[in-house]
Protein backbone atom coordinates (compact mmCIF):
# COMPACT_ATOMS: atom_id res chain seq x y z
CA MET A 1 2.21 10.79 -15.14
CA ASN A 2 0.70 7.36 -14.49
CA ILE A 3 0.63 6.52 -10.79
CA ALA A 4 -0.09 2.87 -9.99
CA VAL A 5 -1.66 2.27 -6.60
CA TYR A 6 -1.60 -1.16 -4.97
CA CYS A 7 -3.98 -1.55 -2.03
CA SER A 8 -6.54 -3.57 -0.13
CA SER A 9 -9.91 -4.50 -1.57
CA SER A 10 -11.31 -5.46 1.84
CA ASN A 11 -14.34 -3.54 3.07
CA HIS A 12 -13.67 -4.51 6.68
CA ILE A 13 -10.77 -2.15 7.36
CA PRO A 14 -10.62 1.05 9.42
CA GLU A 15 -12.13 4.16 7.82
CA SER A 16 -8.91 6.12 8.32
CA TYR A 17 -7.20 4.04 5.63
CA LYS A 18 -10.11 4.64 3.27
CA ASP A 19 -9.93 8.40 3.92
CA SER A 20 -6.21 8.40 3.09
CA ALA A 21 -6.75 6.42 -0.11
CA TYR A 22 -9.50 8.83 -1.16
CA ALA A 23 -7.20 11.80 -0.54
CA LEU A 24 -4.48 10.18 -2.66
CA GLY A 25 -6.88 9.51 -5.52
CA GLN A 26 -8.17 13.06 -5.34
CA TRP A 27 -4.63 14.48 -5.39
CA ILE A 28 -3.70 12.28 -8.37
CA ALA A 29 -6.60 13.71 -10.37
CA ASP A 30 -6.27 17.30 -9.12
CA SER A 31 -2.59 17.33 -10.09
CA GLY A 32 -3.32 16.17 -13.65
CA ASN A 33 -1.86 12.71 -13.18
CA ALA A 34 -3.60 9.44 -13.97
CA LEU A 35 -4.55 6.63 -11.57
CA ILE A 36 -3.66 3.08 -12.54
CA PHE A 37 -5.22 0.49 -10.23
CA GLY A 38 -6.60 -3.04 -10.13
CA GLY A 39 -9.99 -2.09 -11.56
CA ALA A 40 -11.96 -3.77 -8.78
CA THR A 41 -14.36 -2.63 -6.09
CA GLY A 42 -13.94 -2.81 -2.36
CA GLY A 43 -11.86 -1.25 0.36
CA LEU A 44 -9.07 1.07 -0.63
CA MET A 45 -9.56 0.26 -4.31
CA THR A 46 -12.97 1.88 -4.17
CA SER A 47 -11.69 4.78 -2.07
CA VAL A 48 -8.73 5.70 -4.28
CA SER A 49 -10.83 5.48 -7.44
CA GLU A 50 -13.68 7.50 -5.85
CA GLY A 51 -11.19 10.21 -4.93
CA ALA A 52 -9.86 10.38 -8.48
CA SER A 53 -13.37 10.25 -9.93
CA ALA A 54 -14.63 13.06 -7.68
CA SER A 55 -11.99 15.32 -9.24
CA GLY A 56 -12.68 14.18 -12.79
CA GLY A 57 -9.43 12.25 -13.14
CA LYS A 58 -8.27 9.66 -15.62
CA ILE A 59 -8.68 6.23 -14.03
CA THR A 60 -7.32 3.14 -15.72
CA GLY A 61 -8.35 -0.18 -14.20
CA ILE A 62 -6.52 -3.40 -15.01
CA ILE A 63 -8.84 -6.27 -14.16
CA PRO A 64 -8.39 -10.03 -14.55
CA GLN A 65 -11.20 -12.30 -15.71
CA ALA A 66 -11.48 -13.97 -12.29
CA VAL A 67 -12.34 -10.65 -10.63
CA ILE A 68 -14.91 -9.87 -13.33
CA LYS A 69 -16.54 -13.27 -12.67
CA MET A 70 -16.80 -12.24 -9.01
CA ASN A 71 -18.80 -9.15 -10.10
CA ARG A 72 -16.17 -6.85 -8.57
CA GLN A 73 -15.53 -4.65 -11.63
CA SER A 74 -15.33 -0.93 -10.84
CA ALA A 75 -17.72 1.37 -12.68
CA LEU A 76 -15.45 4.37 -12.04
CA CYS A 77 -12.80 3.58 -14.64
CA THR A 78 -12.43 5.92 -17.58
CA GLU A 79 -10.49 3.10 -19.22
CA LEU A 80 -10.77 -0.56 -18.31
CA ILE A 81 -8.23 -3.08 -19.54
CA THR A 82 -9.30 -6.70 -19.18
CA VAL A 83 -6.55 -9.29 -18.80
CA GLU A 84 -6.65 -13.05 -18.36
CA THR A 85 -4.79 -13.54 -15.06
CA MET A 86 -3.51 -11.79 -11.96
CA SER A 87 0.00 -12.18 -13.38
CA ASP A 88 -1.12 -10.36 -16.52
CA ARG A 89 -2.56 -7.61 -14.32
CA LYS A 90 0.78 -7.15 -12.55
CA ALA A 91 2.69 -7.06 -15.83
CA THR A 92 0.32 -4.53 -17.39
CA MET A 93 0.38 -2.28 -14.34
CA LYS A 94 4.18 -2.38 -14.24
CA GLU A 95 4.33 -1.48 -17.91
CA LEU A 96 1.87 1.43 -17.71
CA ALA A 97 3.06 2.98 -14.44
CA ASP A 98 5.67 5.69 -14.08
CA VAL A 99 5.70 5.34 -10.29
CA PHE A 100 4.13 2.90 -7.80
CA VAL A 101 2.42 3.58 -4.47
CA VAL A 102 1.74 0.77 -1.99
CA LEU A 103 -1.01 1.43 0.53
CA PRO A 104 -1.95 -1.01 3.30
CA GLY A 105 -3.16 -4.30 1.92
CA SER A 106 -3.01 -8.07 2.08
CA TYR A 107 -1.52 -10.90 0.03
CA GLY A 108 -2.30 -9.36 -3.36
CA THR A 109 -0.82 -6.01 -2.38
CA LEU A 110 2.34 -7.66 -1.05
CA ASP A 111 2.59 -9.80 -4.18
CA GLU A 112 2.36 -6.71 -6.39
CA MET A 113 4.89 -4.80 -4.29
CA PHE A 114 7.45 -7.61 -4.25
CA ASP A 115 6.95 -8.19 -7.98
CA VAL A 116 7.89 -4.55 -8.64
CA ILE A 117 10.89 -4.78 -6.30
CA ALA A 118 12.16 -8.07 -7.74
CA ALA A 119 11.80 -6.78 -11.30
CA ALA A 120 13.80 -3.66 -10.40
CA ILE A 121 16.53 -5.66 -8.68
CA VAL A 122 17.18 -7.66 -11.86
CA GLY A 123 17.14 -4.50 -13.96
CA GLU A 124 13.76 -4.73 -15.67
CA HIS A 125 12.88 -1.15 -14.66
CA LYS A 126 14.09 1.84 -12.65
CA LYS A 127 10.73 3.14 -11.48
CA GLN A 128 10.24 4.42 -7.94
CA LEU A 129 8.10 2.51 -5.47
CA ILE A 130 6.66 4.29 -2.43
CA VAL A 131 5.40 2.30 0.56
CA VAL A 132 2.92 4.17 2.75
CA ASN A 133 3.52 2.83 6.26
CA GLU A 134 0.43 4.49 7.70
CA ASN A 135 -0.13 3.77 11.41
CA GLY A 136 2.97 1.55 11.32
CA PHE A 137 1.11 -0.95 9.12
CA TYR A 138 4.30 -2.27 7.52
CA ASP A 139 6.64 -2.01 10.56
CA ASP A 140 7.07 -5.77 10.92
CA LEU A 141 7.65 -6.24 7.20
CA ILE A 142 10.26 -3.46 7.24
CA ARG A 143 12.03 -5.21 10.14
CA GLN A 144 12.02 -8.47 8.18
CA ILE A 145 13.54 -6.79 5.14
CA GLU A 146 16.21 -5.16 7.34
CA ARG A 147 17.03 -8.61 8.74
CA MET A 148 17.28 -10.07 5.22
CA ILE A 149 19.73 -7.29 4.33
CA TYR A 150 21.71 -7.70 7.57
CA GLU A 151 21.97 -11.49 7.13
CA LYS A 152 22.93 -11.07 3.45
CA PHE A 153 19.83 -12.74 1.98
CA ILE A 154 19.62 -9.52 0.03
CA PRO A 155 23.32 -9.21 -0.81
CA VAL A 156 23.31 -5.95 -2.74
CA VAL A 157 20.78 -3.21 -2.27
CA ASN A 158 20.61 -1.77 -5.78
CA TYR A 159 16.95 -0.78 -5.53
CA LYS A 160 15.32 0.64 -2.45
CA PRO A 161 11.66 1.52 -2.04
CA LEU A 162 10.88 4.83 -0.40
CA ILE A 163 9.03 4.35 2.88
CA VAL A 164 6.81 7.18 4.11
CA ASN A 165 4.54 7.31 7.13
CA SER A 166 1.50 9.12 5.77
CA ILE A 167 -0.43 10.04 2.66
CA SER A 168 0.70 13.64 3.06
CA GLU A 169 4.37 12.52 2.94
CA CYS A 170 3.58 10.37 -0.09
CA ILE A 171 1.88 13.26 -1.87
CA GLN A 172 4.78 15.61 -1.07
CA PHE A 173 7.22 13.13 -2.60
CA LEU A 174 4.97 12.67 -5.65
CA LYS A 175 4.73 16.46 -6.13
CA ASN A 176 8.52 16.70 -6.25
CA PHE A 177 8.85 13.53 -8.32
CA CYS A 178 6.35 14.77 -10.92
CA LEU A 179 8.22 18.09 -11.21
CA ILE A 180 11.50 16.27 -11.80
CA LYS A 181 9.96 13.98 -14.46
CA ILE A 182 8.31 16.81 -16.43
């Protein structure tokens, strides 16, 4: 199964997030699944790919030209797909993934997450998205989404991401999800 992971590329974040991303990458490889990620270095991107690499996993990076020009291309990919733009990266990751995991991140991570959600809402896919709300990272965002639902800005909830509070909860869900899909 192809598991897409969206996450931070910042190196200035707490180590605990990096440890969790590493554990997820390691589990993905150990369980015989494949990691799909943004193909760049830094932060949780490095950690998740290092975890998968340490266990000899298949790692597919999807990297746009702008990130290559910044010399941020990961050397850990077993397959690297070069695309023109960030939008192309999102489209390719959505196409290749069987399930999506959102770790803590910034604008790019939120953009990728909302792109997956919006595409599901209009019926472009029915793939599961898991948001890892580690240390309450996404609490305020979750409250905002609840408000949008309550005030009918989101009139019909026909697609709902799964929100978990830890990497261990995420992995437990993925174990069950992978068994169901096989």
